[in-house]
Amino acid sequence: MAIEYRGEKFEGYNKPKRTPKHPKKSHAVLAKEGDTIKLIRFGEQGAKTAGKPKKGESDRMKKKRASFKARHGKNIKKGKLSAAYWADKVKW
């Protein structure tokens, strides 16, 4: 079930996708919470993020992830209609 929104195709609501040709943002998602639908772009193009936790991960990466979550914790709690929520879920 593909959804077209503002000229962009999405697999569905709340399904993030990479946007390699976007000049600044690395991902986009068509977020839906209740009746509200919003196009959210997030993540810096080419940024080195900590990624998902890996077995044997370095202390540096653990600190990097913890720092992001501490810095953006308030915005992550806002839920699916915030870019920080999606960055936390996809990139961190």
Protein backbone atom coordinates (compact mmCIF):
# COMPACT_ATOMS: atom_id res chain seq x y z
CA MET A 1 0.00 0.00 0.00
CA ALA A 2 2.05 2.93 -1.27
CA ILE A 3 0.99 6.42 -0.24
CA GLU A 4 1.85 9.50 -2.27
CA TYR A 5 2.13 12.71 -0.26
CA ARG A 6 3.38 16.01 -1.70
CA GLY A 7 4.94 14.21 -4.66
CA GLU A 8 6.81 11.64 -2.54
CA LYS A 9 5.98 7.95 -2.22
CA PHE A 10 5.97 6.19 1.14
CA GLU A 11 5.44 2.51 1.96
CA GLY A 12 2.89 3.52 4.58
CA TYR A 13 2.42 5.70 7.62
CA ASN A 14 5.19 5.67 10.24
CA LYS A 15 7.61 3.87 7.89
CA PRO A 16 10.83 5.91 7.55
CA LYS A 17 12.81 5.90 4.31
CA ARG A 18 16.24 7.11 3.23
CA THR A 19 16.39 10.28 1.13
CA PRO A 20 19.84 10.17 -0.49
CA LYS A 21 19.10 12.99 -2.96
CA HIS A 22 17.79 15.45 -0.38
CA PRO A 23 20.35 18.26 0.11
CA LYS A 24 20.26 18.29 3.93
CA LYS A 25 18.16 15.54 5.52
CA SER A 26 18.98 11.83 5.33
CA HIS A 27 15.53 10.37 6.11
CA ALA A 28 11.84 11.16 5.76
CA VAL A 29 8.72 9.66 7.30
CA LEU A 30 5.03 10.23 6.83
CA ALA A 31 4.06 10.29 10.50
CA LYS A 32 0.50 9.66 11.62
CA GLU A 33 -0.79 9.96 15.15
CA GLY A 34 -4.56 9.87 15.50
CA ASP A 35 -6.00 11.94 12.65
CA THR A 36 -2.87 14.09 12.28
CA ILE A 37 -0.56 13.37 9.33
CA LYS A 38 2.78 15.14 9.00
CA LEU A 39 5.80 14.82 6.71
CA ILE A 40 8.92 14.81 8.85
CA ARG A 41 12.48 15.03 7.57
CA PHE A 42 15.24 14.16 10.00
CA GLY A 43 18.91 13.27 10.28
CA GLU A 44 21.87 15.09 8.84
CA GLN A 45 23.00 13.89 5.42
CA GLY A 46 26.33 12.08 5.79
CA ALA A 47 26.45 12.30 9.60
CA LYS A 48 28.22 9.53 11.50
CA THR A 49 25.75 8.32 14.11
CA ALA A 50 26.23 5.65 16.72
CA GLY A 51 23.69 3.36 15.02
CA LYS A 52 21.95 0.56 16.83
CA PRO A 53 23.74 -0.95 19.87
CA LYS A 54 26.15 -3.66 18.81
CA LYS A 55 27.81 -6.42 20.75
CA GLY A 56 31.30 -5.31 21.78
CA GLU A 57 30.50 -1.66 21.07
CA SER A 58 33.21 0.84 22.02
CA ASP A 59 32.79 3.10 25.03
CA ARG A 60 33.01 6.11 22.71
CA MET A 61 29.92 4.97 20.76
CA LYS A 62 28.02 4.21 23.97
CA LYS A 63 28.77 7.72 25.23
CA LYS A 64 27.80 9.22 21.88
CA ARG A 65 24.42 7.46 21.98
CA ALA A 66 23.80 8.39 25.62
CA SER A 67 24.70 12.02 24.91
CA PHE A 68 22.21 12.21 22.02
CA LYS A 69 19.42 10.73 24.13
CA ALA A 70 20.17 13.10 27.03
CA ARG A 71 20.31 16.14 24.77
CA HIS A 72 17.09 15.34 22.90
CA GLY A 73 15.15 13.40 25.55
CA LYS A 74 12.48 16.09 25.95
CA ASN A 75 11.80 16.17 22.20
CA ILE A 76 11.90 12.37 21.84
CA LYS A 77 9.09 12.15 24.41
CA LYS A 78 6.86 14.31 22.20
CA GLY A 79 6.12 11.21 20.16
CA LYS A 80 5.73 10.31 16.52
CA LEU A 81 5.19 13.87 15.30
CA SER A 82 8.70 15.01 16.29
CA ALA A 83 11.88 14.61 14.26
CA ALA A 84 13.84 13.69 17.41
CA TYR A 85 11.58 10.66 17.97
CA TRP A 86 12.38 9.32 14.50
CA ALA A 87 16.09 10.15 14.70
CA ASP A 88 16.27 8.24 17.98
CA LYS A 89 14.41 5.26 16.53
CA VAL A 90 16.20 5.05 13.18
CA LYS A 91 19.66 6.54 13.60
CA TRP A 92 20.54 6.10 17.28
